[in-house]
C-alpha atoms as a PDB file:
ATOM      1  CA  MET A   1       0.000   0.000   0.000  1.00  0.00           C
ATOM      2  CA  LEU A   2       1.077   3.520  -0.775  1.00  0.00           C
ATOM      3  CA  LYS A   3       0.299   4.785   2.722  1.00  0.00           C
ATOM      4  CA  GLN A   4       2.539   2.103   4.262  1.00  0.00           C
ATOM      5  CA  ARG A   5       5.355   2.961   1.829  1.00  0.00           C
ATOM      6  CA  ILE A   6       5.160   6.622   2.864  1.00  0.00           C
ATOM      7  CA  GLN A   7       5.262   5.680   6.559  1.00  0.00           C
ATOM      8  CA  ASP A   8       8.239   3.360   5.963  1.00  0.00           C
ATOM      9  CA  ASP A   9      10.053   6.141   4.100  1.00  0.00           C
ATOM     10  CA  MET A  10       9.324   8.482   7.006  1.00  0.00           C
ATOM     11  CA  LYS A  11      10.913   6.022   9.455  1.00  0.00           C
ATOM     12  CA  ALA A  12      13.946   5.665   7.173  1.00  0.00           C
ATOM     13  CA  ALA A  13      14.323   9.469   6.923  1.00  0.00           C
ATOM     14  CA  LEU A  14      14.103   9.698  10.725  1.00  0.00           C
ATOM     15  CA  LYS A  15      16.838   7.092  11.170  1.00  0.00           C
ATOM     16  CA  ALA A  16      18.998   8.742   8.499  1.00  0.00           C
ATOM     17  CA  GLY A  17      18.577  12.193  10.047  1.00  0.00           C
ATOM     18  CA  ASP A  18      17.275  13.655   6.770  1.00  0.00           C
ATOM     19  CA  LYS A  19      15.307  16.535   8.296  1.00  0.00           C
ATOM     20  CA  PRO A  20      13.949  18.187   5.126  1.00  0.00           C
ATOM     21  CA  ARG A  21      12.668  14.850   3.767  1.00  0.00           C
ATOM     22  CA  LEU A  22      11.310  13.877   7.181  1.00  0.00           C
ATOM     23  CA  GLY A  23       9.417  17.148   7.496  1.00  0.00           C
ATOM     24  CA  THR A  24       7.738  16.712   4.116  1.00  0.00           C
ATOM     25  CA  LEU A  25       6.865  13.080   4.811  1.00  0.00           C
ATOM     26  CA  ARG A  26       5.330  14.102   8.131  1.00  0.00           C
ATOM     27  CA  LEU A  27       3.190  16.656   6.276  1.00  0.00           C
ATOM     28  CA  ILE A  28       1.993  13.937   3.886  1.00  0.00           C
ATOM     29  CA  VAL A  29       1.200  11.502   6.704  1.00  0.00           C
ATOM     30  CA  ALA A  30      -0.610  14.253   8.628  1.00  0.00           C
ATOM     31  CA  ALA A  31      -2.739  15.121   5.589  1.00  0.00           C
ATOM     32  CA  ILE A  32      -3.633  11.449   5.093  1.00  0.00           C
ATOM     33  CA  LYS A  33      -4.517  10.991   8.769  1.00  0.00           C
ATOM     34  CA  GLN A  34      -6.545  14.205   8.788  1.00  0.00           C
ATOM     35  CA  ARG A  35      -8.672  12.985   5.907  1.00  0.00           C
ATOM     36  CA  GLU A  36      -9.086   9.571   7.536  1.00  0.00           C
ATOM     37  CA  ILE A  37     -10.244  11.203  10.766  1.00  0.00           C
ATOM     38  CA  ASP A  38     -12.554  13.655   8.996  1.00  0.00           C
ATOM     39  CA  GLU A  39     -14.221  10.938   6.933  1.00  0.00           C
ATOM     40  CA  ARG A  40     -13.826   8.138   9.511  1.00  0.00           C
ATOM     41  CA  ILE A  41     -12.431   5.726   6.930  1.00  0.00           C
ATOM     42  CA  GLU A  42      -9.197   3.967   6.044  1.00  0.00           C
ATOM     43  CA  LEU A  43      -7.908   5.564   2.823  1.00  0.00           C
ATOM     44  CA  SER A  44      -7.290   3.365  -0.204  1.00  0.00           C
ATOM     45  CA  ASP A  45      -4.329   3.936  -2.531  1.00  0.00           C
ATOM     46  CA  ASP A  46      -6.575   5.933  -4.897  1.00  0.00           C
ATOM     47  CA  GLN A  47      -7.675   8.183  -2.055  1.00  0.00           C
ATOM     48  CA  VAL A  48      -4.053   8.638  -0.910  1.00  0.00           C
ATOM     49  CA  LEU A  49      -3.240   9.654  -4.499  1.00  0.00           C
ATOM     50  CA  GLY A  50      -6.002  12.249  -4.227  1.00  0.00           C
ATOM     51  CA  VAL A  51      -4.407  13.651  -1.071  1.00  0.00           C
ATOM     52  CA  LEU A  52      -1.015  13.778  -2.814  1.00  0.00           C
ATOM     53  CA  GLU A  53      -2.500  15.502  -5.869  1.00  0.00           C
ATOM     54  CA  LYS A  54      -4.072  18.137  -3.632  1.00  0.00           C
ATOM     55  CA  MET A  55      -0.733  18.705  -1.884  1.00  0.00           C
ATOM     56  CA  ILE A  56       1.031  18.972  -5.259  1.00  0.00           C
ATOM     57  CA  LYS A  57      -1.461  21.576  -6.464  1.00  0.00           C
ATOM     58  CA  GLN A  58      -0.959  23.557  -3.235  1.00  0.00           C
ATOM     59  CA  ARG A  59       2.823  23.434  -3.663  1.00  0.00           C
ATOM     60  CA  ARG A  60       2.614  24.657  -7.268  1.00  0.00           C
ATOM     61  CA  ASP A  61       0.411  27.566  -6.219  1.00  0.00           C
ATOM     62  CA  SER A  62       2.786  28.425  -3.367  1.00  0.00           C
ATOM     63  CA  ILE A  63       5.832  28.327  -5.656  1.00  0.00           C
ATOM     64  CA  GLU A  64       4.142  30.729  -8.053  1.00  0.00           C
ATOM     65  CA  GLN A  65       3.219  33.127  -5.251  1.00  0.00           C
ATOM     66  CA  PHE A  66       6.675  32.992  -3.639  1.00  0.00           C
ATOM     67  CA  ARG A  67       8.343  33.727  -6.975  1.00  0.00           C
ATOM     68  CA  ARG A  68       6.043  36.724  -7.546  1.00  0.00           C
ATOM     69  CA  ALA A  69       7.020  37.984  -4.082  1.00  0.00           C
ATOM     70  CA  ALA A  70      10.742  37.451  -4.867  1.00  0.00           C
ATOM     71  CA  ARG A  71      11.096  34.825  -2.132  1.00  0.00           C
ATOM     72  CA  GLU A  72      13.267  32.312  -3.967  1.00  0.00           C
ATOM     73  CA  ASP A  73      14.332  30.633  -0.707  1.00  0.00           C
ATOM     74  CA  LEU A  74      10.736  29.668   0.099  1.00  0.00           C
ATOM     75  CA  ALA A  75      10.047  28.712  -3.522  1.00  0.00           C
ATOM     76  CA  GLN A  76      12.983  26.281  -3.453  1.00  0.00           C
ATOM     77  CA  LYS A  77      11.716  24.707  -0.224  1.00  0.00           C
ATOM     78  CA  GLU A  78       8.288  24.217  -1.808  1.00  0.00           C
ATOM     79  CA  GLU A  79       9.916  22.730  -4.940  1.00  0.00           C
ATOM     80  CA  ALA A  80      11.702  20.154  -2.788  1.00  0.00           C
ATOM     81  CA  GLU A  81       8.390  19.223  -1.155  1.00  0.00           C
ATOM     82  CA  LEU A  82       6.723  19.116  -4.577  1.00  0.00           C
ATOM     83  CA  SER A  83       9.285  16.709  -6.017  1.00  0.00           C
ATOM     84  CA  LEU A  84       8.981  14.398  -2.999  1.00  0.00           C
ATOM     85  CA  CYS A  85       5.173  14.341  -3.299  1.00  0.00           C
ATOM     86  CA  GLN A  86       5.445  13.654  -7.030  1.00  0.00           C
ATOM     87  CA  SER A  87       7.779  10.716  -6.395  1.00  0.00           C
ATOM     88  CA  TYR A  88       4.843   8.760  -4.945  1.00  0.00           C
ATOM     89  CA  LEU A  89       2.651   9.242  -8.003  1.00  0.00           C
ATOM     90  CA  PRO A  90       2.548   6.565 -10.709  1.00  0.00           C
ATOM     91  CA  GLN A  91       4.271   7.092 -14.065  1.00  0.00           C
ATOM     92  CA  PRO A  92       2.607  10.050 -15.841  1.00  0.00           C
ATOM     93  CA  LEU A  93       0.594   9.418 -18.986  1.00  0.00           C
ATOM     94  CA  SER A  94       2.035  10.571 -22.289  1.00  0.00           C
ATOM     95  CA  GLU A  95       0.025  12.902 -24.517  1.00  0.00           C
ATOM     96  CA  GLU A  96      -0.800  10.007 -26.873  1.00  0.00           C
ATOM     97  CA  GLU A  97      -1.954   7.741 -24.021  1.00  0.00           C
ATOM     98  CA  LEU A  98      -4.131  10.511 -22.628  1.00  0.00           C
ATOM     99  CA  GLN A  99      -5.717  11.189 -26.021  1.00  0.00           C
ATOM    100  CA  ARG A 100      -6.392   7.456 -26.462  1.00  0.00           C
ATOM    101  CA  LEU A 101      -8.042   7.213 -23.025  1.00  0.00           C
ATOM    102  CA  ILE A 102     -10.241  10.214 -23.819  1.00  0.00           C
ATOM    103  CA  GLN A 103     -11.312   8.672 -27.148  1.00  0.00           C
ATOM    104  CA  GLU A 104     -12.109   5.367 -25.416  1.00  0.00           C
ATOM    105  CA  ALA A 105     -14.085   7.161 -22.707  1.00  0.00           C
ATOM    106  CA  ILE A 106     -16.081   9.095 -25.314  1.00  0.00           C
ATOM    107  CA  ALA A 107     -16.904   5.856 -27.122  1.00  0.00           C
ATOM    108  CA  ALA A 108     -17.781   4.007 -23.900  1.00  0.00           C
ATOM    109  CA  SER A 109     -19.938   6.750 -22.409  1.00  0.00           C
ATOM    110  CA  GLY A 110     -21.560   7.913 -25.623  1.00  0.00           C
ATOM    111  CA  ALA A 111     -20.632  11.535 -24.896  1.00  0.00           C
ATOM    112  CA  SER A 112     -21.408  13.858 -27.786  1.00  0.00           C
ATOM    113  CA  SER A 113     -21.603  17.403 -26.402  1.00  0.00           C
ATOM    114  CA  MET A 114     -20.427  19.615 -23.564  1.00  0.00           C
ATOM    115  CA  ARG A 115     -23.494  18.534 -21.551  1.00  0.00           C
ATOM    116  CA  ASP A 116     -21.874  15.095 -21.265  1.00  0.00           C
ATOM    117  CA  MET A 117     -18.595  16.431 -19.846  1.00  0.00           C
ATOM    118  CA  GLY A 118     -19.385  15.534 -16.224  1.00  0.00           C
ATOM    119  CA  LYS A 119     -20.240  11.966 -17.146  1.00  0.00           C
ATOM    120  CA  LEU A 120     -17.091  11.706 -19.271  1.00  0.00           C
ATOM    121  CA  MET A 121     -14.840  13.148 -16.549  1.00  0.00           C
ATOM    122  CA  ALA A 122     -16.339  10.729 -13.998  1.00  0.00           C
ATOM    123  CA  HIS A 123     -15.461   7.889 -16.363  1.00  0.00           C
ATOM    124  CA  LEU A 124     -11.892   9.180 -16.904  1.00  0.00           C
ATOM    125  CA  ARG A 125     -10.980  10.162 -13.336  1.00  0.00           C
ATOM    126  CA  PRO A 126     -10.159   6.648 -12.032  1.00  0.00           C
ATOM    127  CA  GLN A 127      -7.975   5.944 -15.069  1.00  0.00           C
ATOM    128  CA  VAL A 128      -5.929   9.135 -14.960  1.00  0.00           C
ATOM    129  CA  GLN A 129      -5.809   9.960 -11.243  1.00  0.00           C
ATOM    130  CA  GLY A 130      -2.229  10.540 -10.187  1.00  0.00           C
ATOM    131  CA  ARG A 131      -1.025  10.103 -13.759  1.00  0.00           C
ATOM    132  CA  ALA A 132      -2.233  13.370 -15.313  1.00  0.00           C
ATOM    133  CA  GLU A 133      -3.299  16.797 -14.098  1.00  0.00           C
ATOM    134  CA  MET A 134      -7.070  16.972 -14.083  1.00  0.00           C
ATOM    135  CA  GLY A 135      -6.958  20.537 -15.428  1.00  0.00           C
ATOM    136  CA  VAL A 136      -5.110  19.319 -18.518  1.00  0.00           C
ATOM    137  CA  VAL A 137      -7.503  16.383 -18.899  1.00  0.00           C
ATOM    138  CA  SER A 138     -10.477  18.725 -18.602  1.00  0.00           C
ATOM    139  CA  ALA A 139      -9.090  21.061 -21.271  1.00  0.00           C
ATOM    140  CA  LEU A 140      -8.487  18.147 -23.666  1.00  0.00           C
ATOM    141  CA  VAL A 141     -11.990  16.796 -23.058  1.00  0.00           C
ATOM    142  CA  LYS A 142     -13.504  20.244 -23.719  1.00  0.00           C
ATOM    143  CA  ALA A 143     -11.560  20.492 -26.964  1.00  0.00           C
ATOM    144  CA  LYS A 144     -12.775  17.042 -28.075  1.00  0.00           C
ATOM    145  CA  LEU A 145     -16.411  17.660 -27.178  1.00  0.00           C
ATOM    146  CA  SER A 146     -16.644  21.157 -28.648  1.00  0.00           C
ATOM    147  CA  GLY A 147     -14.593  20.525 -31.783  1.00  0.00           C
END
């Protein structure tokens, strides 16, 4: 399980004295535990990927804001956290693979217009979660359905 791998990596970072890595791993574990407590469930790997994707999006936003404020030191810290979070995601989909999945989802769901976008995205989400940014997927789906 992904959650167990993260906890094992946290223990290894603690033993190795790798404080920056340990701090980021503790943030990840805390976010996972917070969601488990809030929803009173044990998170599956897909749900842990959702937590990681949310953390990645937050880090990207923070990096952008720190760079605009000329705080390169903080931006670099966020980039280190971002790369560690991304290391737990599965191999990203290539552009061709993503296009193929969208075509298959359109055929399977019978989507023909923008009104079907929600149904199509619901069909695609489990296949692309953690492997592609949902904003990019959404833009590609819009282009397919409108064009």
